[in-house]
Amino acid sequence: MTANIALTLDGRYNGPGGPGDLGAIVRYATTEVARDHLTRIREGATTALLGRLNAEGFLGYWPTVAQDENADPRDRGYAKWLVDTDKVVLSTTLSEAPWDRTRVVNAPAADVVAELKATGEGEILVNSSPSVIKPLLAADLIDRLYLLICPEIAGGGQRLFEDGLPGSQWRVARQETGELGEIAFVYDRVRQG
């Protein structure tokens, strides 16, 4: 079980303006390091697990990139993967999937992951969906975290790592620093025997 998200130095995935306030993150999302990171996150992943808001944003944007012959090949590769892979969207409001290869589930994230692990093969990737990542961190179900750390302090907004998470240890499996100071980290969960 893997998860990917971009965070500011103060651990926020959006700014003080709310969910759409990505000003401290967006300029780092198209750097060489970020695009290489985007390529790595999908390696081995056979299922994308998304929250409704990210699913709507992603699936409104990435399919056009998949068809754009002028797009960066790494962006296009990710876009094609997202379009072609099985997607599970966690939602309490959607009743049917508006995208191909997608099913909508109204259940706790930990229960959905348990079912996917029992019935599927390959890796499950939660991509930039904090509403899904947070409960999976709380349940200690994430084995690998892909973090893009953006060198800005947002000063407000929502944090990924909130008080009350169970203690855990992580090992750096990879790190790469970009020209703007962004750092792509891959952390593996260290589990005892």
N, C-alpha and C. Protein backbone atom coordinates (compact mmCIF):
# COMPACT_ATOMS: atom_id res chain seq x y z
N MET A 1 0.85 -1.18 0.00
CA MET A 1 0.00 0.00 0.00
C MET A 1 0.88 1.23 0.00
N THR A 2 0.74 2.06 -1.01
CA THR A 2 1.56 3.26 -1.15
C THR A 2 0.68 4.49 -1.20
N ALA A 3 1.27 5.63 -0.87
CA ALA A 3 0.55 6.90 -0.93
C ALA A 3 1.50 7.98 -1.40
N ASN A 4 0.96 8.96 -2.12
CA ASN A 4 1.74 10.05 -2.66
C ASN A 4 1.04 11.37 -2.34
N ILE A 5 1.83 12.37 -1.94
CA ILE A 5 1.27 13.70 -1.72
C ILE A 5 2.40 14.73 -1.72
N ALA A 6 2.07 15.95 -2.07
CA ALA A 6 3.01 17.07 -2.00
C ALA A 6 2.66 17.90 -0.77
N LEU A 7 3.70 18.31 -0.03
CA LEU A 7 3.51 19.07 1.20
C LEU A 7 4.45 20.27 1.22
N THR A 8 4.05 21.30 1.94
CA THR A 8 4.93 22.44 2.19
C THR A 8 5.86 22.08 3.34
N LEU A 9 6.82 22.96 3.61
CA LEU A 9 7.73 22.72 4.73
C LEU A 9 7.00 22.62 6.06
N ASP A 10 5.87 23.32 6.19
CA ASP A 10 5.12 23.22 7.44
C ASP A 10 4.06 22.12 7.39
N GLY A 11 4.24 21.17 6.46
CA GLY A 11 3.43 19.95 6.43
C GLY A 11 2.01 20.11 5.90
N ARG A 12 1.77 21.13 5.12
CA ARG A 12 0.41 21.39 4.63
C ARG A 12 0.26 20.98 3.17
N TYR A 13 -0.93 20.45 2.86
CA TYR A 13 -1.22 20.07 1.48
C TYR A 13 -2.08 21.10 0.77
N ASN A 14 -2.46 22.15 1.47
CA ASN A 14 -3.07 23.33 0.84
C ASN A 14 -2.76 24.53 1.72
N GLY A 15 -3.05 25.69 1.19
CA GLY A 15 -2.76 26.92 1.93
C GLY A 15 -3.95 27.40 2.72
N PRO A 16 -3.83 28.60 3.33
CA PRO A 16 -4.89 29.12 4.18
C PRO A 16 -6.19 29.42 3.45
N GLY A 17 -6.14 29.47 2.13
CA GLY A 17 -7.36 29.75 1.35
C GLY A 17 -8.26 28.54 1.15
N GLY A 18 -7.87 27.38 1.67
CA GLY A 18 -8.71 26.19 1.56
C GLY A 18 -8.20 25.20 0.54
N PRO A 19 -9.02 24.19 0.23
CA PRO A 19 -8.57 23.09 -0.64
C PRO A 19 -8.03 23.52 -2.00
N GLY A 20 -8.52 24.60 -2.55
CA GLY A 20 -8.04 25.05 -3.85
C GLY A 20 -6.79 25.90 -3.78
N ASP A 21 -6.32 26.22 -2.59
CA ASP A 21 -5.15 27.08 -2.41
C ASP A 21 -3.88 26.22 -2.47
N LEU A 22 -3.37 26.04 -3.68
CA LEU A 22 -2.19 25.20 -3.90
C LEU A 22 -0.99 26.03 -4.36
N GLY A 23 -1.05 27.33 -4.11
CA GLY A 23 0.00 28.23 -4.57
C GLY A 23 1.39 27.86 -4.09
N ALA A 24 1.51 27.31 -2.89
CA ALA A 24 2.83 26.96 -2.36
C ALA A 24 3.32 25.62 -2.89
N ILE A 25 2.50 24.94 -3.69
CA ILE A 25 2.84 23.60 -4.18
C ILE A 25 2.93 23.54 -5.70
N VAL A 26 2.01 24.23 -6.38
CA VAL A 26 1.82 24.02 -7.82
C VAL A 26 3.07 24.32 -8.65
N ARG A 27 3.86 25.31 -8.29
CA ARG A 27 5.03 25.63 -9.14
C ARG A 27 6.09 24.54 -9.09
N TYR A 28 6.05 23.67 -8.07
CA TYR A 28 7.03 22.59 -7.94
C TYR A 28 6.55 21.30 -8.60
N ALA A 29 5.29 21.26 -8.99
CA ALA A 29 4.69 20.02 -9.52
C ALA A 29 5.16 19.68 -10.93
N THR A 30 5.74 20.64 -11.63
CA THR A 30 6.16 20.38 -13.01
C THR A 30 7.68 20.43 -13.19
N THR A 31 8.40 20.34 -12.08
CA THR A 31 9.87 20.33 -12.18
C THR A 31 10.34 18.94 -12.64
N GLU A 32 11.58 18.87 -13.03
CA GLU A 32 12.15 17.58 -13.46
C GLU A 32 12.05 16.55 -12.34
N VAL A 33 12.39 16.97 -11.12
CA VAL A 33 12.34 16.06 -9.98
C VAL A 33 10.91 15.59 -9.73
N ALA A 34 9.95 16.50 -9.78
CA ALA A 34 8.55 16.14 -9.55
C ALA A 34 8.04 15.19 -10.63
N ARG A 35 8.41 15.45 -11.87
CA ARG A 35 7.94 14.58 -12.96
C ARG A 35 8.57 13.18 -12.87
N ASP A 36 9.84 13.11 -12.49
CA ASP A 36 10.46 11.80 -12.28
C ASP A 36 9.79 11.07 -11.12
N HIS A 37 9.46 11.82 -10.07
CA HIS A 37 8.76 11.28 -8.90
C HIS A 37 7.39 10.73 -9.32
N LEU A 38 6.68 11.47 -10.17
CA LEU A 38 5.38 11.05 -10.67
C LEU A 38 5.48 9.72 -11.43
N THR A 39 6.59 9.53 -12.12
CA THR A 39 6.82 8.27 -12.83
C THR A 39 7.02 7.12 -11.85
N ARG A 40 7.78 7.37 -10.79
CA ARG A 40 8.06 6.32 -9.79
C ARG A 40 6.82 5.87 -9.03
N ILE A 41 5.93 6.80 -8.70
CA ILE A 41 4.81 6.45 -7.82
C ILE A 41 3.90 5.39 -8.41
N ARG A 42 3.84 5.30 -9.72
CA ARG A 42 2.91 4.35 -10.33
C ARG A 42 3.55 2.99 -10.64
N GLU A 43 4.86 2.88 -10.40
CA GLU A 43 5.54 1.61 -10.67
C GLU A 43 4.94 0.49 -9.83
N GLY A 44 4.42 -0.52 -10.46
CA GLY A 44 3.84 -1.66 -9.76
C GLY A 44 2.42 -1.45 -9.28
N ALA A 45 1.91 -0.22 -9.38
CA ALA A 45 0.55 0.04 -8.90
C ALA A 45 -0.47 -0.42 -9.93
N THR A 46 -1.44 -1.19 -9.46
CA THR A 46 -2.49 -1.71 -10.34
C THR A 46 -3.86 -1.14 -10.00
N THR A 47 -3.95 -0.42 -8.88
CA THR A 47 -5.21 0.18 -8.46
C THR A 47 -4.93 1.57 -7.92
N ALA A 48 -5.73 2.54 -8.36
CA ALA A 48 -5.66 3.89 -7.81
C ALA A 48 -6.83 4.05 -6.85
N LEU A 49 -6.54 4.45 -5.63
CA LEU A 49 -7.56 4.70 -4.61
C LEU A 49 -7.60 6.21 -4.40
N LEU A 50 -8.76 6.81 -4.61
CA LEU A 50 -8.89 8.27 -4.60
C LEU A 50 -10.09 8.70 -3.78
N GLY A 51 -9.99 9.87 -3.19
CA GLY A 51 -11.16 10.53 -2.63
C GLY A 51 -11.93 11.19 -3.76
N ARG A 52 -13.18 11.51 -3.53
CA ARG A 52 -14.03 12.07 -4.58
C ARG A 52 -13.49 13.37 -5.16
N LEU A 53 -13.04 14.30 -4.30
CA LEU A 53 -12.57 15.59 -4.81
C LEU A 53 -11.38 15.43 -5.74
N ASN A 54 -10.42 14.60 -5.34
CA ASN A 54 -9.25 14.39 -6.20
C ASN A 54 -9.63 13.64 -7.46
N ALA A 55 -10.52 12.68 -7.33
CA ALA A 55 -10.95 11.93 -8.52
C ALA A 55 -11.57 12.89 -9.53
N GLU A 56 -12.43 13.78 -9.07
CA GLU A 56 -13.06 14.72 -9.99
C GLU A 56 -12.02 15.63 -10.64
N GLY A 57 -11.06 16.11 -9.85
CA GLY A 57 -10.02 16.97 -10.42
C GLY A 57 -9.10 16.22 -11.36
N PHE A 58 -8.63 15.06 -10.93
CA PHE A 58 -7.71 14.27 -11.74
C PHE A 58 -8.36 13.82 -13.04
N LEU A 59 -9.57 13.28 -12.93
CA LEU A 59 -10.19 12.70 -14.11
C LEU A 59 -10.80 13.75 -15.02
N GLY A 60 -10.82 14.99 -14.55
CA GLY A 60 -11.19 16.09 -15.42
C GLY A 60 -9.99 16.65 -16.17
N TYR A 61 -8.79 16.31 -15.70
CA TYR A 61 -7.56 16.87 -16.28
C TYR A 61 -6.71 15.84 -17.02
N TRP A 62 -6.38 14.73 -16.35
CA TRP A 62 -5.37 13.80 -16.89
C TRP A 62 -5.76 13.10 -18.19
N PRO A 63 -7.03 12.77 -18.44
CA PRO A 63 -7.33 12.12 -19.73
C PRO A 63 -6.94 12.97 -20.95
N THR A 64 -7.04 14.30 -20.83
CA THR A 64 -6.61 15.15 -21.96
C THR A 64 -5.10 15.11 -22.13
N VAL A 65 -4.36 14.99 -21.02
CA VAL A 65 -2.90 14.88 -21.08
C VAL A 65 -2.51 13.57 -21.76
N ALA A 66 -3.24 12.51 -21.47
CA ALA A 66 -2.95 11.19 -22.06
C ALA A 66 -3.02 11.25 -23.59
N GLN A 67 -3.86 12.12 -24.11
CA GLN A 67 -4.03 12.22 -25.56
C GLN A 67 -3.18 13.32 -26.20
N ASP A 68 -2.51 14.11 -25.39
CA ASP A 68 -1.73 15.25 -25.88
C ASP A 68 -0.32 14.79 -26.27
N GLU A 69 -0.07 14.70 -27.57
CA GLU A 69 1.24 14.24 -28.04
C GLU A 69 2.36 15.21 -27.71
N ASN A 70 2.03 16.45 -27.35
CA ASN A 70 3.04 17.44 -27.00
C ASN A 70 3.33 17.49 -25.50
N ALA A 71 2.60 16.72 -24.73
CA ALA A 71 2.81 16.72 -23.27
C ALA A 71 4.14 16.05 -22.94
N ASP A 72 4.70 16.41 -21.80
CA ASP A 72 5.92 15.76 -21.32
C ASP A 72 5.64 14.25 -21.25
N PRO A 73 6.56 13.42 -21.75
CA PRO A 73 6.32 11.96 -21.77
C PRO A 73 6.05 11.38 -20.38
N ARG A 74 6.63 11.96 -19.34
CA ARG A 74 6.37 11.46 -17.98
C ARG A 74 4.96 11.78 -17.55
N ASP A 75 4.48 12.98 -17.89
CA ASP A 75 3.10 13.35 -17.58
C ASP A 75 2.14 12.46 -18.37
N ARG A 76 2.47 12.24 -19.63
CA ARG A 76 1.63 11.40 -20.48
C ARG A 76 1.59 9.97 -19.98
N GLY A 77 2.74 9.46 -19.54
CA GLY A 77 2.80 8.10 -19.00
C GLY A 77 1.92 7.95 -17.77
N TYR A 78 2.00 8.92 -16.86
CA TYR A 78 1.15 8.88 -15.67
C TYR A 78 -0.32 8.98 -16.07
N ALA A 79 -0.63 9.89 -16.99
CA ALA A 79 -2.02 10.10 -17.42
C ALA A 79 -2.59 8.82 -18.02
N LYS A 80 -1.82 8.16 -18.87
CA LYS A 80 -2.29 6.91 -19.47
C LYS A 80 -2.50 5.84 -18.41
N TRP A 81 -1.57 5.78 -17.44
CA TRP A 81 -1.73 4.82 -16.35
C TRP A 81 -3.03 5.09 -15.60
N LEU A 82 -3.29 6.36 -15.26
CA LEU A 82 -4.49 6.70 -14.49
C LEU A 82 -5.76 6.36 -15.28
N VAL A 83 -5.77 6.64 -16.55
CA VAL A 83 -6.94 6.34 -17.38
C VAL A 83 -7.15 4.83 -17.48
N ASP A 84 -6.07 4.08 -17.66
CA ASP A 84 -6.17 2.64 -17.93
C ASP A 84 -6.26 1.76 -16.69
N THR A 85 -5.87 2.27 -15.53
CA THR A 85 -5.85 1.42 -14.34
C THR A 85 -7.23 1.36 -13.68
N ASP A 86 -7.41 0.37 -12.83
CA ASP A 86 -8.64 0.29 -12.04
C ASP A 86 -8.60 1.37 -10.99
N LYS A 87 -9.73 2.06 -10.83
CA LYS A 87 -9.82 3.14 -9.86
C LYS A 87 -10.97 2.85 -8.88
N VAL A 88 -10.70 3.12 -7.60
CA VAL A 88 -11.73 3.03 -6.58
C VAL A 88 -11.82 4.42 -5.97
N VAL A 89 -13.03 4.98 -5.99
CA VAL A 89 -13.25 6.32 -5.46
C VAL A 89 -14.10 6.20 -4.20
N LEU A 90 -13.56 6.72 -3.10
CA LEU A 90 -14.31 6.74 -1.85
C LEU A 90 -15.19 7.98 -1.83
N SER A 91 -16.49 7.76 -1.67
CA SER A 91 -17.41 8.89 -1.68
C SER A 91 -18.69 8.54 -0.94
N THR A 92 -19.20 9.54 -0.24
CA THR A 92 -20.51 9.38 0.40
C THR A 92 -21.60 10.04 -0.44
N THR A 93 -21.21 10.74 -1.51
CA THR A 93 -22.20 11.48 -2.30
C THR A 93 -22.41 10.94 -3.72
N LEU A 94 -21.39 10.32 -4.32
CA LEU A 94 -21.56 9.77 -5.66
C LEU A 94 -22.31 8.45 -5.59
N SER A 95 -23.22 8.24 -6.52
CA SER A 95 -23.95 6.97 -6.53
C SER A 95 -23.48 6.06 -7.66
N GLU A 96 -22.89 6.65 -8.68
CA GLU A 96 -22.33 5.84 -9.77
C GLU A 96 -21.05 6.48 -10.28
N ALA A 97 -20.21 5.66 -10.88
CA ALA A 97 -18.91 6.12 -11.35
C ALA A 97 -19.04 6.84 -12.69
N PRO A 98 -18.62 8.08 -12.76
CA PRO A 98 -18.69 8.81 -14.02
C PRO A 98 -17.48 8.59 -14.93
N TRP A 99 -16.59 7.65 -14.56
CA TRP A 99 -15.40 7.39 -15.36
C TRP A 99 -15.27 5.90 -15.64
N ASP A 100 -14.60 5.57 -16.74
CA ASP A 100 -14.34 4.17 -17.08
C ASP A 100 -13.41 3.55 -16.04
N ARG A 101 -13.53 2.24 -15.89
CA ARG A 101 -12.66 1.44 -15.01
C ARG A 101 -12.67 1.95 -13.57
N THR A 102 -13.81 2.48 -13.14
CA THR A 102 -13.92 3.07 -11.81
C THR A 102 -15.15 2.52 -11.10
N ARG A 103 -14.97 2.28 -9.81
CA ARG A 103 -16.14 1.97 -8.99
C ARG A 103 -16.14 2.89 -7.78
N VAL A 104 -17.32 3.25 -7.34
CA VAL A 104 -17.50 4.14 -6.21
C VAL A 104 -17.86 3.29 -5.00
N VAL A 105 -17.19 3.59 -3.87
CA VAL A 105 -17.43 2.83 -2.65
C VAL A 105 -17.69 3.82 -1.51
N ASN A 106 -18.73 3.56 -0.74
CA ASN A 106 -19.03 4.36 0.45
C ASN A 106 -18.72 3.48 1.65
N ALA A 107 -17.46 3.47 2.06
CA ALA A 107 -17.00 2.64 3.18
C ALA A 107 -15.72 3.26 3.73
N PRO A 108 -15.37 2.90 4.97
CA PRO A 108 -14.11 3.40 5.53
C PRO A 108 -12.91 2.95 4.69
N ALA A 109 -11.91 3.83 4.57
CA ALA A 109 -10.73 3.55 3.74
C ALA A 109 -10.05 2.25 4.16
N ALA A 110 -9.91 2.00 5.46
CA ALA A 110 -9.23 0.78 5.92
C ALA A 110 -9.96 -0.47 5.46
N ASP A 111 -11.29 -0.44 5.48
CA ASP A 111 -12.07 -1.59 5.03
C ASP A 111 -11.90 -1.83 3.53
N VAL A 112 -11.88 -0.74 2.77
CA VAL A 112 -11.72 -0.84 1.32
C VAL A 112 -10.34 -1.41 0.99
N VAL A 113 -9.31 -0.95 1.68
CA VAL A 113 -7.96 -1.47 1.45
C VAL A 113 -7.89 -2.95 1.79
N ALA A 114 -8.49 -3.36 2.89
CA ALA A 114 -8.49 -4.79 3.26
C ALA A 114 -9.14 -5.62 2.17
N GLU A 115 -10.23 -5.15 1.62
CA GLU A 115 -10.91 -5.88 0.54
C GLU A 115 -10.05 -5.93 -0.72
N LEU A 116 -9.45 -4.79 -1.08
CA LEU A 116 -8.60 -4.74 -2.28
C LEU A 116 -7.40 -5.67 -2.15
N LYS A 117 -6.80 -5.69 -0.97
CA LYS A 117 -5.64 -6.58 -0.75
C LYS A 117 -6.05 -8.04 -0.83
N ALA A 118 -7.23 -8.36 -0.35
CA ALA A 118 -7.69 -9.75 -0.34
C ALA A 118 -8.08 -10.24 -1.73
N THR A 119 -8.51 -9.34 -2.60
CA THR A 119 -9.02 -9.77 -3.90
C THR A 119 -8.14 -9.39 -5.09
N GLY A 120 -7.12 -8.56 -4.87
CA GLY A 120 -6.35 -8.08 -6.02
C GLY A 120 -4.89 -8.44 -5.94
N GLU A 121 -4.21 -8.09 -6.99
CA GLU A 121 -2.76 -8.26 -7.07
C GLU A 121 -2.16 -6.90 -7.37
N GLY A 122 -0.90 -6.77 -7.07
CA GLY A 122 -0.24 -5.50 -7.34
C GLY A 122 -0.42 -4.53 -6.20
N GLU A 123 0.06 -3.33 -6.43
CA GLU A 123 0.11 -2.29 -5.42
C GLU A 123 -1.11 -1.39 -5.52
N ILE A 124 -1.56 -0.92 -4.38
CA ILE A 124 -2.63 0.08 -4.32
C ILE A 124 -1.95 1.42 -4.08
N LEU A 125 -2.28 2.41 -4.90
CA LEU A 125 -1.71 3.75 -4.77
C LEU A 125 -2.80 4.74 -4.41
N VAL A 126 -2.63 5.42 -3.29
CA VAL A 126 -3.49 6.55 -2.94
C VAL A 126 -2.73 7.79 -3.39
N ASN A 127 -3.26 8.47 -4.39
CA ASN A 127 -2.53 9.56 -4.99
C ASN A 127 -3.14 10.91 -4.62
N SER A 128 -2.44 11.64 -3.76
CA SER A 128 -2.79 13.01 -3.40
C SER A 128 -4.20 13.16 -2.85
N SER A 129 -4.69 12.17 -2.15
CA SER A 129 -6.02 12.24 -1.54
C SER A 129 -5.88 12.19 -0.02
N PRO A 130 -5.69 13.35 0.61
CA PRO A 130 -5.49 13.35 2.06
C PRO A 130 -6.67 12.76 2.83
N SER A 131 -7.88 12.87 2.30
CA SER A 131 -9.04 12.31 3.00
C SER A 131 -8.96 10.79 3.07
N VAL A 132 -8.15 10.19 2.21
CA VAL A 132 -7.94 8.74 2.23
C VAL A 132 -6.63 8.41 2.96
N ILE A 133 -5.60 9.20 2.72
CA ILE A 133 -4.29 8.94 3.33
C ILE A 133 -4.36 9.04 4.85
N LYS A 134 -5.04 10.04 5.37
CA LYS A 134 -5.09 10.25 6.82
C LYS A 134 -5.63 9.03 7.58
N PRO A 135 -6.80 8.49 7.20
CA PRO A 135 -7.28 7.31 7.94
C PRO A 135 -6.40 6.08 7.74
N LEU A 136 -5.72 5.98 6.60
CA LEU A 136 -4.83 4.84 6.38
C LEU A 136 -3.56 4.98 7.23
N LEU A 137 -3.07 6.20 7.42
CA LEU A 137 -1.96 6.42 8.35
C LEU A 137 -2.39 6.08 9.77
N ALA A 138 -3.60 6.50 10.13
CA ALA A 138 -4.11 6.24 11.48
C ALA A 138 -4.24 4.75 11.74
N ALA A 139 -4.55 3.98 10.68
CA ALA A 139 -4.70 2.52 10.81
C ALA A 139 -3.37 1.80 10.55
N ASP A 140 -2.31 2.55 10.29
CA ASP A 140 -0.97 1.99 10.02
C ASP A 140 -0.98 1.00 8.85
N LEU A 141 -1.65 1.40 7.77
CA LEU A 141 -1.76 0.53 6.60
C LEU A 141 -0.88 0.95 5.43
N ILE A 142 -0.19 2.07 5.54
CA ILE A 142 0.65 2.53 4.43
C ILE A 142 2.06 2.01 4.63
N ASP A 143 2.58 1.37 3.59
CA ASP A 143 3.93 0.79 3.63
C ASP A 143 4.98 1.67 2.97
N ARG A 144 4.55 2.54 2.07
CA ARG A 144 5.48 3.43 1.37
C ARG A 144 4.82 4.78 1.17
N LEU A 145 5.55 5.84 1.50
CA LEU A 145 5.09 7.21 1.30
C LEU A 145 5.99 7.90 0.28
N TYR A 146 5.37 8.44 -0.74
CA TYR A 146 6.06 9.28 -1.72
C TYR A 146 5.70 10.72 -1.38
N LEU A 147 6.68 11.49 -0.92
CA LEU A 147 6.43 12.88 -0.54
C LEU A 147 7.24 13.82 -1.41
N LEU A 148 6.58 14.84 -1.92
CA LEU A 148 7.28 15.93 -2.59
C LEU A 148 7.21 17.11 -1.63
N ILE A 149 8.36 17.49 -1.06
CA ILE A 149 8.40 18.58 -0.10
C ILE A 149 8.74 19.87 -0.85
N CYS A 150 7.84 20.83 -0.77
CA CYS A 150 7.99 22.10 -1.46
C CYS A 150 8.56 23.13 -0.49
N PRO A 151 9.62 23.84 -0.88
CA PRO A 151 10.34 24.71 0.05
C PRO A 151 9.64 26.04 0.31
N GLU A 152 8.41 25.95 0.80
CA GLU A 152 7.66 27.13 1.19
C GLU A 152 6.90 26.82 2.47
N ILE A 153 6.66 27.84 3.25
CA ILE A 153 5.83 27.72 4.44
C ILE A 153 4.49 28.35 4.08
N ALA A 154 3.44 27.56 4.13
CA ALA A 154 2.11 28.05 3.76
C ALA A 154 1.54 28.95 4.86
N GLY A 155 1.86 28.63 6.11
CA GLY A 155 1.39 29.46 7.22
C GLY A 155 -0.04 29.23 7.62
N GLY A 156 -0.70 28.34 6.95
CA GLY A 156 -2.09 28.00 7.25
C GLY A 156 -2.53 26.95 6.26
N GLY A 157 -3.65 26.34 6.51
CA GLY A 157 -4.15 25.28 5.64
C GLY A 157 -4.16 23.96 6.39
N GLN A 158 -4.47 22.92 5.68
CA GLN A 158 -4.63 21.61 6.31
C GLN A 158 -3.31 20.84 6.32
N ARG A 159 -3.08 20.13 7.41
CA ARG A 159 -1.87 19.33 7.57
C ARG A 159 -2.18 17.86 7.34
N LEU A 160 -1.19 17.15 6.83
CA LEU A 160 -1.35 15.71 6.65
C LEU A 160 -1.14 14.98 7.97
N PHE A 161 -0.07 15.31 8.65
CA PHE A 161 0.28 14.60 9.89
C PHE A 161 -0.28 15.35 11.09
N GLU A 162 -1.42 14.91 11.55
CA GLU A 162 -2.08 15.55 12.68
C GLU A 162 -1.79 14.80 13.97
N ASP A 163 -2.00 15.47 15.09
CA ASP A 163 -1.84 14.83 16.39
C ASP A 163 -2.77 13.62 16.49
N GLY A 164 -2.30 12.60 17.19
CA GLY A 164 -3.12 11.42 17.40
C GLY A 164 -2.77 10.24 16.52
N LEU A 165 -1.88 10.44 15.54
CA LEU A 165 -1.46 9.30 14.72
C LEU A 165 -0.64 8.34 15.58
N PRO A 166 -0.71 7.05 15.31
CA PRO A 166 0.15 6.13 16.05
C PRO A 166 1.61 6.38 15.67
N GLY A 167 2.50 6.20 16.65
CA GLY A 167 3.92 6.36 16.36
C GLY A 167 4.37 5.33 15.35
N SER A 168 5.30 5.70 14.49
CA SER A 168 5.82 4.77 13.48
C SER A 168 7.21 5.22 13.07
N GLN A 169 7.96 4.28 12.52
CA GLN A 169 9.32 4.57 12.06
C GLN A 169 9.38 4.36 10.55
N TRP A 170 10.10 5.24 9.87
CA TRP A 170 10.21 5.20 8.42
C TRP A 170 11.68 5.29 8.02
N ARG A 171 12.01 4.66 6.90
CA ARG A 171 13.37 4.65 6.37
C ARG A 171 13.36 5.32 5.00
N VAL A 172 14.34 6.18 4.73
CA VAL A 172 14.44 6.83 3.42
C VAL A 172 14.93 5.80 2.41
N ALA A 173 14.11 5.54 1.41
CA ALA A 173 14.49 4.61 0.34
C ALA A 173 15.08 5.37 -0.85
N ARG A 174 14.71 6.65 -0.97
CA ARG A 174 15.21 7.46 -2.08
C ARG A 174 14.97 8.92 -1.76
N GLN A 175 15.87 9.78 -2.22
CA GLN A 175 15.65 11.21 -2.12
C GLN A 175 16.35 11.89 -3.27
N GLU A 176 15.72 12.96 -3.75
CA GLU A 176 16.27 13.70 -4.87
C GLU A 176 15.87 15.16 -4.70
N THR A 177 16.83 16.07 -4.87
CA THR A 177 16.57 17.49 -4.71
C THR A 177 16.57 18.17 -6.07
N GLY A 178 15.58 19.03 -6.27
CA GLY A 178 15.46 19.75 -7.53
C GLY A 178 16.05 21.14 -7.48
N GLU A 179 16.08 21.79 -8.63
CA GLU A 179 16.69 23.10 -8.78
C GLU A 179 15.99 24.19 -7.98
N LEU A 180 14.70 24.02 -7.71
CA LEU A 180 13.97 25.03 -6.94
C LEU A 180 14.00 24.74 -5.45
N GLY A 181 14.70 23.68 -5.06
CA GLY A 181 14.77 23.31 -3.65
C GLY A 181 13.75 22.28 -3.22
N GLU A 182 12.92 21.83 -4.15
CA GLU A 182 11.95 20.77 -3.84
C GLU A 182 12.69 19.46 -3.63
N ILE A 183 12.18 18.63 -2.74
CA ILE A 183 12.81 17.34 -2.48
C ILE A 183 11.77 16.25 -2.61
N ALA A 184 12.07 15.27 -3.44
CA ALA A 184 11.22 14.09 -3.58
C ALA A 184 11.78 13.00 -2.68
N PHE A 185 10.98 12.58 -1.72
CA PHE A 185 11.36 11.52 -0.79
C PHE A 185 10.51 10.28 -1.04
N VAL A 186 11.12 9.13 -0.89
CA VAL A 186 10.39 7.87 -0.82
C VAL A 186 10.73 7.29 0.54
N TYR A 187 9.72 7.10 1.38
CA TYR A 187 9.90 6.55 2.72
C TYR A 187 9.22 5.19 2.80
N ASP A 188 9.93 4.20 3.34
CA ASP A 188 9.35 2.88 3.58
C ASP A 188 9.07 2.72 5.07
N ARG A 189 7.94 2.16 5.38
CA ARG A 189 7.55 1.90 6.77
C ARG A 189 8.44 0.78 7.33
N VAL A 190 9.04 1.03 8.47
CA VAL A 190 9.85 0.02 9.15
C VAL A 190 8.93 -0.72 10.11
N ARG A 191 8.80 -2.01 9.89
CA ARG A 191 7.92 -2.83 10.74
C ARG A 191 8.77 -3.85 11.48
N GLN A 192 8.49 -4.04 12.72
CA GLN A 192 9.24 -4.98 13.54
C GLN A 192 8.67 -6.39 13.38
N GLY A 193 9.56 -7.36 13.09
CA GLY A 193 9.31 -8.78 12.96
C GLY A 193 7.92 -9.16 12.80
